[in-house]
Amino acid sequence: MLLSAPYALFLVAVFVYPLGLGAWIAFHKYSFAAPNAQVDRPFVGFDNFARVLQDPDVIASFKHVGIFLVINVPLTIALALLLATALNSAIKGVTFFRVAYYVPYVTASVATVTVWLFMFSENGVVNSLLGDLAPDPSWLTNSTWAMPMIALYVTWKQLGFFILLYLAALQNVSKELYEAAKTDGANWWQSFRAVTWPGVLPATSLVAMLAIITGANLFTEPYLLTNGGGPNGASTTPVLLIYQQAIQQNHPDRASAIGIFLVIGVLLLAWISRRMTEED
């Protein structure tokens, strides 16, 4: 108990106190003021929550995150598991591929975003290859394609980390089980379903939860890739909207209400994800 006290204090200072303060602000009429200034901050009940629910920009931002999660989470699980399975086998150049997949994850987002802007701009490499098939306006300035492109970018950037998680899980799958499956005449797909998938299920649950949390906290990518949630708000996320409401428009009470809805949504999705992987 005594040894865990510093970590408990850290959790209280970094997580519990900010969350509690955010909840308190959400139930009051609150605005930032100069230090030592006396400002009336009356209790307003659920008024901020009601106002947030009537704001079409807030509803749209949650829809954008929904699009992101629908693309990003399954794609992350499928690609990370497929590549980890390949890297776990005896292929040539396995060390090179492990490093190559991990490099985007440890590279600064500003640098990797520059690469994507170069590739998917109107005169970029991708449009040059596609020719007349390229969308107009281009990918990151197109309201239909902006959010899927952000989802693909995040999938690519985070993939190395999730591959490492799956590689660690695959190391713990008994080789005797593969040999037994091979003896019984199982092909690659049957061996994957009967041995690999059950063995990596706890890792899949972790990957899904981390991907959901990453998607819910999306800020840097739309801020850099689509110039702050463009075009016309088509890639605005709740966290980006919290920043705009609290910092740029001085409405921290409404921003806190959005944050409370976001926390509830993430907890709900994480619970559903965990139940689905446990049932499998």
C-alpha atoms as a PDB file:
ATOM      1  CA  MET A   1       0.000   0.000   0.000  1.00  0.00           C
ATOM      2  CA  LEU A   2       2.775   2.418   0.930  1.00  0.00           C
ATOM      3  CA  LEU A   3       4.761   1.566  -2.205  1.00  0.00           C
ATOM      4  CA  SER A   4       1.762   2.175  -4.460  1.00  0.00           C
ATOM      5  CA  ALA A   5       0.961   5.530  -2.836  1.00  0.00           C
ATOM      6  CA  PRO A   6       3.152   7.636  -5.222  1.00  0.00           C
ATOM      7  CA  TYR A   7       1.436   6.105  -8.268  1.00  0.00           C
ATOM      8  CA  ALA A   8      -1.975   6.611  -6.666  1.00  0.00           C
ATOM      9  CA  LEU A   9      -1.127  10.277  -6.074  1.00  0.00           C
ATOM     10  CA  PHE A  10       0.048  10.555  -9.679  1.00  0.00           C
ATOM     11  CA  LEU A  11      -3.271   9.128 -10.930  1.00  0.00           C
ATOM     12  CA  VAL A  12      -5.233  11.530  -8.752  1.00  0.00           C
ATOM     13  CA  ALA A  13      -3.189  14.534  -9.929  1.00  0.00           C
ATOM     14  CA  VAL A  14      -3.127  13.647 -13.648  1.00  0.00           C
ATOM     15  CA  PHE A  15      -6.478  11.885 -14.206  1.00  0.00           C
ATOM     16  CA  VAL A  16      -8.947  12.157 -11.334  1.00  0.00           C
ATOM     17  CA  TYR A  17      -8.537  15.868 -10.547  1.00  0.00           C
ATOM     18  CA  PRO A  18      -8.753  17.086 -14.207  1.00  0.00           C
ATOM     19  CA  LEU A  19     -11.760  14.833 -14.836  1.00  0.00           C
ATOM     20  CA  GLY A  20     -13.504  16.063 -11.681  1.00  0.00           C
ATOM     21  CA  LEU A  21     -12.727  19.699 -12.514  1.00  0.00           C
ATOM     22  CA  GLY A  22     -14.012  19.189 -16.064  1.00  0.00           C
ATOM     23  CA  ALA A  23     -17.257  17.696 -14.724  1.00  0.00           C
ATOM     24  CA  TRP A  24     -17.650  20.652 -12.304  1.00  0.00           C
ATOM     25  CA  ILE A  25     -17.094  23.186 -15.095  1.00  0.00           C
ATOM     26  CA  ALA A  26     -19.648  21.391 -17.298  1.00  0.00           C
ATOM     27  CA  PHE A  27     -22.383  22.073 -14.710  1.00  0.00           C
ATOM     28  CA  HIS A  28     -21.549  25.781 -14.327  1.00  0.00           C
ATOM     29  CA  LYS A  29     -21.548  28.888 -16.507  1.00  0.00           C
ATOM     30  CA  TYR A  30     -17.787  29.187 -16.754  1.00  0.00           C
ATOM     31  CA  SER A  31     -15.360  31.344 -18.697  1.00  0.00           C
ATOM     32  CA  PHE A  32     -11.670  32.026 -18.360  1.00  0.00           C
ATOM     33  CA  ALA A  33     -10.735  35.235 -16.598  1.00  0.00           C
ATOM     34  CA  ALA A  34      -7.628  37.079 -15.498  1.00  0.00           C
ATOM     35  CA  PRO A  35      -5.867  35.783 -12.338  1.00  0.00           C
ATOM     36  CA  ASN A  36      -7.465  37.014  -9.073  1.00  0.00           C
ATOM     37  CA  ALA A  37     -10.476  38.372 -10.995  1.00  0.00           C
ATOM     38  CA  GLN A  38     -13.821  37.799  -9.249  1.00  0.00           C
ATOM     39  CA  VAL A  39     -16.175  36.201 -11.810  1.00  0.00           C
ATOM     40  CA  ASP A  40     -19.632  34.806 -11.017  1.00  0.00           C
ATOM     41  CA  ARG A  41     -19.896  31.170 -12.118  1.00  0.00           C
ATOM     42  CA  PRO A  42     -23.442  30.039 -11.302  1.00  0.00           C
ATOM     43  CA  PHE A  43     -24.648  26.448 -11.342  1.00  0.00           C
ATOM     44  CA  VAL A  44     -26.633  25.813 -14.557  1.00  0.00           C
ATOM     45  CA  GLY A  45     -27.454  22.108 -14.217  1.00  0.00           C
ATOM     46  CA  PHE A  46     -27.627  20.309 -17.568  1.00  0.00           C
ATOM     47  CA  ASP A  47     -27.906  23.485 -19.680  1.00  0.00           C
ATOM     48  CA  ASN A  48     -24.425  23.055 -21.193  1.00  0.00           C
ATOM     49  CA  PHE A  49     -25.171  19.429 -22.087  1.00  0.00           C
ATOM     50  CA  ALA A  50     -28.492  20.392 -23.694  1.00  0.00           C
ATOM     51  CA  ARG A  51     -26.827  23.173 -25.683  1.00  0.00           C
ATOM     52  CA  VAL A  52     -24.092  20.802 -26.846  1.00  0.00           C
ATOM     53  CA  LEU A  53     -26.627  18.204 -27.982  1.00  0.00           C
ATOM     54  CA  GLN A  54     -28.412  20.863 -30.066  1.00  0.00           C
ATOM     55  CA  ASP A  55     -25.191  21.965 -31.761  1.00  0.00           C
ATOM     56  CA  PRO A  56     -24.943  20.369 -35.245  1.00  0.00           C
ATOM     57  CA  ASP A  57     -21.154  20.810 -35.230  1.00  0.00           C
ATOM     58  CA  VAL A  58     -20.873  18.620 -32.117  1.00  0.00           C
ATOM     59  CA  ILE A  59     -23.091  15.906 -33.589  1.00  0.00           C
ATOM     60  CA  ALA A  60     -21.070  16.038 -36.824  1.00  0.00           C
ATOM     61  CA  SER A  61     -17.761  15.717 -34.941  1.00  0.00           C
ATOM     62  CA  PHE A  62     -18.920  12.509 -33.250  1.00  0.00           C
ATOM     63  CA  LYS A  63     -20.064  11.161 -36.634  1.00  0.00           C
ATOM     64  CA  HIS A  64     -16.590  11.915 -38.014  1.00  0.00           C
ATOM     65  CA  VAL A  65     -14.988   9.918 -35.199  1.00  0.00           C
ATOM     66  CA  GLY A  66     -17.449   7.110 -35.893  1.00  0.00           C
ATOM     67  CA  ILE A  67     -16.298   7.020 -39.532  1.00  0.00           C
ATOM     68  CA  PHE A  68     -12.705   7.031 -38.334  1.00  0.00           C
ATOM     69  CA  LEU A  69     -13.232   4.126 -35.915  1.00  0.00           C
ATOM     70  CA  VAL A  70     -15.166   2.021 -38.444  1.00  0.00           C
ATOM     71  CA  ILE A  71     -12.201   2.251 -40.823  1.00  0.00           C
ATOM     72  CA  ASN A  72      -9.269   2.397 -38.421  1.00  0.00           C
ATOM     73  CA  VAL A  73      -9.998  -0.262 -35.786  1.00  0.00           C
ATOM     74  CA  PRO A  74     -10.754  -3.290 -38.046  1.00  0.00           C
ATOM     75  CA  LEU A  75      -7.996  -2.271 -40.477  1.00  0.00           C
ATOM     76  CA  THR A  76      -5.465  -1.910 -37.658  1.00  0.00           C
ATOM     77  CA  ILE A  77      -6.318  -5.323 -36.184  1.00  0.00           C
ATOM     78  CA  ALA A  78      -6.274  -7.083 -39.571  1.00  0.00           C
ATOM     79  CA  LEU A  79      -3.032  -5.544 -40.892  1.00  0.00           C
ATOM     80  CA  ALA A  80      -1.141  -5.708 -37.588  1.00  0.00           C
ATOM     81  CA  LEU A  81      -2.046  -9.370 -37.049  1.00  0.00           C
ATOM     82  CA  LEU A  82      -1.321 -10.330 -40.662  1.00  0.00           C
ATOM     83  CA  LEU A  83       2.073  -8.612 -40.708  1.00  0.00           C
ATOM     84  CA  ALA A  84       2.998  -9.858 -37.226  1.00  0.00           C
ATOM     85  CA  THR A  85       2.187 -13.420 -38.295  1.00  0.00           C
ATOM     86  CA  ALA A  86       4.403 -12.996 -41.361  1.00  0.00           C
ATOM     87  CA  LEU A  87       7.227 -11.453 -39.328  1.00  0.00           C
ATOM     88  CA  ASN A  88       6.944 -14.220 -36.734  1.00  0.00           C
ATOM     89  CA  SER A  89       7.739 -16.828 -39.379  1.00  0.00           C
ATOM     90  CA  ALA A  90      11.182 -17.546 -40.742  1.00  0.00           C
ATOM     91  CA  ILE A  91      11.349 -15.083 -43.640  1.00  0.00           C
ATOM     92  CA  LYS A  92      14.407 -13.339 -44.988  1.00  0.00           C
ATOM     93  CA  GLY A  93      15.076  -9.789 -43.840  1.00  0.00           C
ATOM     94  CA  VAL A  94      12.739 -10.044 -40.843  1.00  0.00           C
ATOM     95  CA  THR A  95      14.786  -7.520 -38.809  1.00  0.00           C
ATOM     96  CA  PHE A  96      14.653  -4.997 -41.640  1.00  0.00           C
ATOM     97  CA  PHE A  97      10.881  -5.305 -41.958  1.00  0.00           C
ATOM     98  CA  ARG A  98      10.364  -5.004 -38.173  1.00  0.00           C
ATOM     99  CA  VAL A  99      12.355  -1.755 -38.125  1.00  0.00           C
ATOM    100  CA  ALA A 100      10.681  -0.477 -41.311  1.00  0.00           C
ATOM    101  CA  TYR A 101       7.187  -0.901 -39.879  1.00  0.00           C
ATOM    102  CA  TYR A 102       8.187   0.733 -36.575  1.00  0.00           C
ATOM    103  CA  VAL A 103       9.894   3.818 -38.065  1.00  0.00           C
ATOM    104  CA  PRO A 104       6.632   5.766 -38.829  1.00  0.00           C
ATOM    105  CA  TYR A 105       5.476   5.240 -35.236  1.00  0.00           C
ATOM    106  CA  VAL A 106       8.570   6.869 -33.719  1.00  0.00           C
ATOM    107  CA  THR A 107       8.816   9.590 -36.371  1.00  0.00           C
ATOM    108  CA  ALA A 108       7.376  12.998 -35.492  1.00  0.00           C
ATOM    109  CA  SER A 109       3.848  13.518 -36.855  1.00  0.00           C
ATOM    110  CA  VAL A 110       4.888  16.777 -38.498  1.00  0.00           C
ATOM    111  CA  ALA A 111       7.399  14.895 -40.663  1.00  0.00           C
ATOM    112  CA  THR A 112       5.064  12.044 -41.638  1.00  0.00           C
ATOM    113  CA  VAL A 113       2.201  14.463 -42.316  1.00  0.00           C
ATOM    114  CA  THR A 114       4.454  16.306 -44.749  1.00  0.00           C
ATOM    115  CA  VAL A 115       4.981  13.060 -46.645  1.00  0.00           C
ATOM    116  CA  TRP A 116       1.216  12.467 -46.867  1.00  0.00           C
ATOM    117  CA  LEU A 117       0.538  16.034 -47.946  1.00  0.00           C
ATOM    118  CA  PHE A 118       3.095  15.554 -50.703  1.00  0.00           C
ATOM    119  CA  MET A 119       1.600  12.222 -51.789  1.00  0.00           C
ATOM    120  CA  PHE A 120      -2.102  13.174 -51.678  1.00  0.00           C
ATOM    121  CA  SER A 121      -2.055  16.824 -52.718  1.00  0.00           C
ATOM    122  CA  GLU A 122      -3.702  17.870 -55.985  1.00  0.00           C
ATOM    123  CA  ASN A 123      -0.410  17.551 -57.847  1.00  0.00           C
ATOM    124  CA  GLY A 124       0.902  14.717 -55.661  1.00  0.00           C
ATOM    125  CA  VAL A 125       2.231  11.289 -56.544  1.00  0.00           C
ATOM    126  CA  VAL A 126      -1.064   9.451 -56.032  1.00  0.00           C
ATOM    127  CA  ASN A 127      -3.097  11.770 -58.252  1.00  0.00           C
ATOM    128  CA  SER A 128      -0.398  11.600 -60.918  1.00  0.00           C
ATOM    129  CA  LEU A 129      -0.708   7.796 -60.942  1.00  0.00           C
ATOM    130  CA  LEU A 130      -4.518   7.795 -60.905  1.00  0.00           C
ATOM    131  CA  GLY A 131      -4.911  10.461 -63.570  1.00  0.00           C
ATOM    132  CA  ASP A 132      -8.607  11.037 -64.360  1.00  0.00           C
ATOM    133  CA  LEU A 133      -9.632   8.612 -61.590  1.00  0.00           C
ATOM    134  CA  ALA A 134      -8.336  10.975 -58.871  1.00  0.00           C
ATOM    135  CA  PRO A 135     -11.104  12.733 -56.891  1.00  0.00           C
ATOM    136  CA  ASP A 136     -11.793  16.415 -57.466  1.00  0.00           C
ATOM    137  CA  PRO A 137     -11.169  18.226 -55.123  1.00  0.00           C
ATOM    138  CA  SER A 138      -8.184  16.171 -54.038  1.00  0.00           C
ATOM    139  CA  TRP A 139      -8.175  13.692 -51.136  1.00  0.00           C
ATOM    140  CA  LEU A 140      -7.475  15.906 -48.127  1.00  0.00           C
ATOM    141  CA  THR A 141      -9.571  18.836 -49.394  1.00  0.00           C
ATOM    142  CA  ASN A 142     -12.506  16.613 -50.339  1.00  0.00           C
ATOM    143  CA  SER A 143     -15.317  16.460 -47.753  1.00  0.00           C
ATOM    144  CA  THR A 144     -16.023  12.799 -48.597  1.00  0.00           C
ATOM    145  CA  TRP A 145     -12.433  11.589 -48.495  1.00  0.00           C
ATOM    146  CA  ALA A 146     -10.892  13.769 -45.753  1.00  0.00           C
ATOM    147  CA  MET A 147     -11.865  11.595 -42.775  1.00  0.00           C
ATOM    148  CA  PRO A 148     -11.118   8.208 -44.437  1.00  0.00           C
ATOM    149  CA  MET A 149      -7.687   9.566 -45.435  1.00  0.00           C
ATOM    150  CA  ILE A 150      -6.990  10.571 -41.832  1.00  0.00           C
ATOM    151  CA  ALA A 151      -8.041   7.073 -40.731  1.00  0.00           C
ATOM    152  CA  LEU A 152      -5.652   5.497 -43.258  1.00  0.00           C
ATOM    153  CA  TYR A 153      -2.830   7.797 -42.163  1.00  0.00           C
ATOM    154  CA  VAL A 154      -3.278   6.943 -38.468  1.00  0.00           C
ATOM    155  CA  THR A 155      -3.506   3.222 -39.312  1.00  0.00           C
ATOM    156  CA  TRP A 156      -0.205   3.421 -41.185  1.00  0.00           C
ATOM    157  CA  LYS A 157       1.550   5.492 -38.514  1.00  0.00           C
ATOM    158  CA  GLN A 158       0.436   3.381 -35.532  1.00  0.00           C
ATOM    159  CA  LEU A 159       0.851   0.015 -37.251  1.00  0.00           C
ATOM    160  CA  GLY A 160       4.403  -0.646 -36.027  1.00  0.00           C
ATOM    161  CA  PHE A 161       3.399  -0.385 -32.371  1.00  0.00           C
ATOM    162  CA  PHE A 162       0.476  -2.786 -32.760  1.00  0.00           C
ATOM    163  CA  ILE A 163       2.641  -5.231 -34.734  1.00  0.00           C
ATOM    164  CA  LEU A 164       4.991  -5.359 -31.748  1.00  0.00           C
ATOM    165  CA  LEU A 165       2.056  -6.151 -29.441  1.00  0.00           C
ATOM    166  CA  TYR A 166       0.961  -9.008 -31.691  1.00  0.00           C
ATOM    167  CA  LEU A 167       4.544 -10.280 -32.054  1.00  0.00           C
ATOM    168  CA  ALA A 168       4.825 -10.488 -28.266  1.00  0.00           C
ATOM    169  CA  ALA A 169       1.523 -12.382 -28.138  1.00  0.00           C
ATOM    170  CA  LEU A 170       2.575 -14.772 -30.918  1.00  0.00           C
ATOM    171  CA  GLN A 171       5.788 -15.604 -29.048  1.00  0.00           C
ATOM    172  CA  ASN A 172       3.620 -17.086 -26.282  1.00  0.00           C
ATOM    173  CA  VAL A 173       1.596 -19.364 -28.587  1.00  0.00           C
ATOM    174  CA  SER A 174       2.904 -22.913 -28.111  1.00  0.00           C
ATOM    175  CA  LYS A 175       4.662 -24.366 -31.179  1.00  0.00           C
ATOM    176  CA  GLU A 176       3.391 -27.790 -30.150  1.00  0.00           C
ATOM    177  CA  LEU A 177      -0.139 -26.624 -30.960  1.00  0.00           C
ATOM    178  CA  TYR A 178       0.931 -25.746 -34.526  1.00  0.00           C
ATOM    179  CA  GLU A 179       2.665 -29.116 -34.881  1.00  0.00           C
ATOM    180  CA  ALA A 180      -0.447 -30.914 -33.604  1.00  0.00           C
ATOM    181  CA  ALA A 181      -2.629 -28.984 -36.077  1.00  0.00           C
ATOM    182  CA  LYS A 182      -0.224 -29.826 -38.900  1.00  0.00           C
ATOM    183  CA  THR A 183      -0.274 -33.503 -37.888  1.00  0.00           C
ATOM    184  CA  ASP A 184      -4.085 -33.431 -38.063  1.00  0.00           C
ATOM    185  CA  GLY A 185      -3.862 -32.123 -41.647  1.00  0.00           C
ATOM    186  CA  ALA A 186      -4.911 -28.537 -40.933  1.00  0.00           C
ATOM    187  CA  ASN A 187      -4.119 -25.988 -43.642  1.00  0.00           C
ATOM    188  CA  TRP A 188      -2.844 -22.443 -42.940  1.00  0.00           C
ATOM    189  CA  TRP A 189      -6.320 -20.940 -42.477  1.00  0.00           C
ATOM    190  CA  GLN A 190      -7.514 -23.752 -40.207  1.00  0.00           C
ATOM    191  CA  SER A 191      -4.336 -23.497 -38.121  1.00  0.00           C
ATOM    192  CA  PHE A 192      -4.828 -19.722 -37.873  1.00  0.00           C
ATOM    193  CA  ARG A 193      -8.439 -20.059 -36.690  1.00  0.00           C
ATOM    194  CA  ALA A 194      -7.811 -22.908 -34.238  1.00  0.00           C
ATOM    195  CA  VAL A 195      -4.412 -21.891 -32.801  1.00  0.00           C
ATOM    196  CA  THR A 196      -3.293 -18.356 -33.674  1.00  0.00           C
ATOM    197  CA  TRP A 197      -6.551 -16.434 -33.172  1.00  0.00           C
ATOM    198  CA  PRO A 198      -7.365 -17.843 -29.701  1.00  0.00           C
ATOM    199  CA  GLY A 199      -3.727 -17.296 -28.698  1.00  0.00           C
ATOM    200  CA  VAL A 200      -3.728 -13.602 -29.618  1.00  0.00           C
ATOM    201  CA  LEU A 201      -7.265 -12.795 -28.424  1.00  0.00           C
ATOM    202  CA  PRO A 202      -6.106 -10.903 -25.272  1.00  0.00           C
ATOM    203  CA  ALA A 203      -3.733  -8.876 -27.455  1.00  0.00           C
ATOM    204  CA  THR A 204      -6.586  -8.175 -29.899  1.00  0.00           C
ATOM    205  CA  SER A 205      -8.693  -6.827 -27.044  1.00  0.00           C
ATOM    206  CA  LEU A 206      -5.821  -4.524 -26.051  1.00  0.00           C
ATOM    207  CA  VAL A 207      -5.228  -3.400 -29.652  1.00  0.00           C
ATOM    208  CA  ALA A 208      -8.931  -2.621 -30.130  1.00  0.00           C
ATOM    209  CA  MET A 209      -9.122  -0.579 -26.937  1.00  0.00           C
ATOM    210  CA  LEU A 210      -5.949   1.382 -27.711  1.00  0.00           C
ATOM    211  CA  ALA A 211      -7.152   2.065 -31.263  1.00  0.00           C
ATOM    212  CA  ILE A 212     -10.512   3.305 -29.939  1.00  0.00           C
ATOM    213  CA  ILE A 213      -8.802   5.572 -27.395  1.00  0.00           C
ATOM    214  CA  THR A 214      -6.472   6.896 -30.121  1.00  0.00           C
ATOM    215  CA  GLY A 215      -9.423   7.653 -32.386  1.00  0.00           C
ATOM    216  CA  ALA A 216     -11.376   9.365 -29.626  1.00  0.00           C
ATOM    217  CA  ASN A 217      -8.405  11.629 -28.864  1.00  0.00           C
ATOM    218  CA  LEU A 218      -7.772  12.550 -32.491  1.00  0.00           C
ATOM    219  CA  PHE A 219      -6.399  16.087 -32.669  1.00  0.00           C
ATOM    220  CA  THR A 220      -2.957  16.397 -34.259  1.00  0.00           C
ATOM    221  CA  GLU A 221      -3.810  14.582 -37.487  1.00  0.00           C
ATOM    222  CA  PRO A 222      -6.862  16.643 -38.566  1.00  0.00           C
ATOM    223  CA  TYR A 223      -5.140  19.781 -37.285  1.00  0.00           C
ATOM    224  CA  LEU A 224      -2.142  19.192 -39.560  1.00  0.00           C
ATOM    225  CA  LEU A 225      -3.544  17.165 -42.470  1.00  0.00           C
ATOM    226  CA  THR A 226      -6.767  19.075 -43.134  1.00  0.00           C
ATOM    227  CA  ASN A 227      -5.829  22.474 -41.713  1.00  0.00           C
ATOM    228  CA  GLY A 228      -7.833  22.226 -38.506  1.00  0.00           C
ATOM    229  CA  GLY A 229     -10.739  19.957 -39.435  1.00  0.00           C
ATOM    230  CA  GLY A 230     -11.437  21.081 -42.996  1.00  0.00           C
ATOM    231  CA  PRO A 231     -12.818  21.243 -45.543  1.00  0.00           C
ATOM    232  CA  ASN A 232     -15.756  23.126 -43.988  1.00  0.00           C
ATOM    233  CA  GLY A 233     -15.530  21.066 -40.797  1.00  0.00           C
ATOM    234  CA  ALA A 234     -15.720  17.696 -42.595  1.00  0.00           C
ATOM    235  CA  SER A 235     -12.903  16.255 -40.463  1.00  0.00           C
ATOM    236  CA  THR A 236     -13.525  18.072 -37.171  1.00  0.00           C
ATOM    237  CA  THR A 237     -13.257  15.729 -34.194  1.00  0.00           C
ATOM    238  CA  PRO A 238     -14.654  16.192 -30.655  1.00  0.00           C
ATOM    239  CA  VAL A 239     -11.188  16.928 -29.219  1.00  0.00           C
ATOM    240  CA  LEU A 240     -10.532  19.492 -31.933  1.00  0.00           C
ATOM    241  CA  LEU A 241     -13.941  21.015 -31.190  1.00  0.00           C
ATOM    242  CA  ILE A 242     -13.109  21.085 -27.457  1.00  0.00           C
ATOM    243  CA  TYR A 243      -9.961  23.052 -28.290  1.00  0.00           C
ATOM    244  CA  GLN A 244     -11.887  25.487 -30.483  1.00  0.00           C
ATOM    245  CA  GLN A 245     -14.699  25.982 -27.942  1.00  0.00           C
ATOM    246  CA  ALA A 246     -12.484  26.279 -24.851  1.00  0.00           C
ATOM    247  CA  ILE A 247      -9.393  28.101 -26.105  1.00  0.00           C
ATOM    248  CA  GLN A 248     -10.444  30.004 -29.209  1.00  0.00           C
ATOM    249  CA  GLN A 249     -14.044  30.913 -28.217  1.00  0.00           C
ATOM    250  CA  ASN A 250     -13.675  30.979 -24.391  1.00  0.00           C
ATOM    251  CA  HIS A 251     -16.498  28.509 -23.709  1.00  0.00           C
ATOM    252  CA  PRO A 252     -14.799  25.948 -21.425  1.00  0.00           C
ATOM    253  CA  ASP A 253     -18.192  24.987 -19.946  1.00  0.00           C
ATOM    254  CA  ARG A 254     -19.493  23.720 -23.301  1.00  0.00           C
ATOM    255  CA  ALA A 255     -16.104  22.172 -24.081  1.00  0.00           C
ATOM    256  CA  SER A 256     -16.239  20.273 -20.777  1.00  0.00           C
ATOM    257  CA  ALA A 257     -19.725  19.005 -21.598  1.00  0.00           C
ATOM    258  CA  ILE A 258     -18.396  17.676 -24.934  1.00  0.00           C
ATOM    259  CA  GLY A 259     -15.521  16.066 -23.011  1.00  0.00           C
ATOM    260  CA  ILE A 260     -17.931  14.308 -20.634  1.00  0.00           C
ATOM    261  CA  PHE A 261     -19.875  12.871 -23.587  1.00  0.00           C
ATOM    262  CA  LEU A 262     -16.582  11.773 -25.145  1.00  0.00           C
ATOM    263  CA  VAL A 263     -15.413   9.987 -21.977  1.00  0.00           C
ATOM    264  CA  ILE A 264     -18.749   8.169 -21.697  1.00  0.00           C
ATOM    265  CA  GLY A 265     -18.568   7.163 -25.371  1.00  0.00           C
ATOM    266  CA  VAL A 266     -15.010   5.834 -25.078  1.00  0.00           C
ATOM    267  CA  LEU A 267     -15.830   3.835 -21.936  1.00  0.00           C
ATOM    268  CA  LEU A 268     -18.903   2.372 -23.653  1.00  0.00           C
ATOM    269  CA  LEU A 269     -16.996   1.397 -26.810  1.00  0.00           C
ATOM    270  CA  ALA A 270     -14.121  -0.068 -24.768  1.00  0.00           C
ATOM    271  CA  TRP A 271     -16.598  -2.152 -22.758  1.00  0.00           C
ATOM    272  CA  ILE A 272     -18.327  -3.398 -25.928  1.00  0.00           C
ATOM    273  CA  SER A 273     -14.964  -4.219 -27.513  1.00  0.00           C
ATOM    274  CA  ARG A 274     -13.845  -6.162 -24.452  1.00  0.00           C
ATOM    275  CA  ARG A 275     -17.103  -8.116 -24.262  1.00  0.00           C
ATOM    276  CA  MET A 276     -16.895  -9.015 -27.974  1.00  0.00           C
ATOM    277  CA  THR A 277     -13.325 -10.351 -27.684  1.00  0.00           C
ATOM    278  CA  GLU A 278     -14.167 -12.235 -24.485  1.00  0.00           C
ATOM    279  CA  GLU A 279     -17.159 -13.904 -26.156  1.00  0.00           C
ATOM    280  CA  ASP A 280     -14.963 -14.991 -29.074  1.00  0.00           C
END
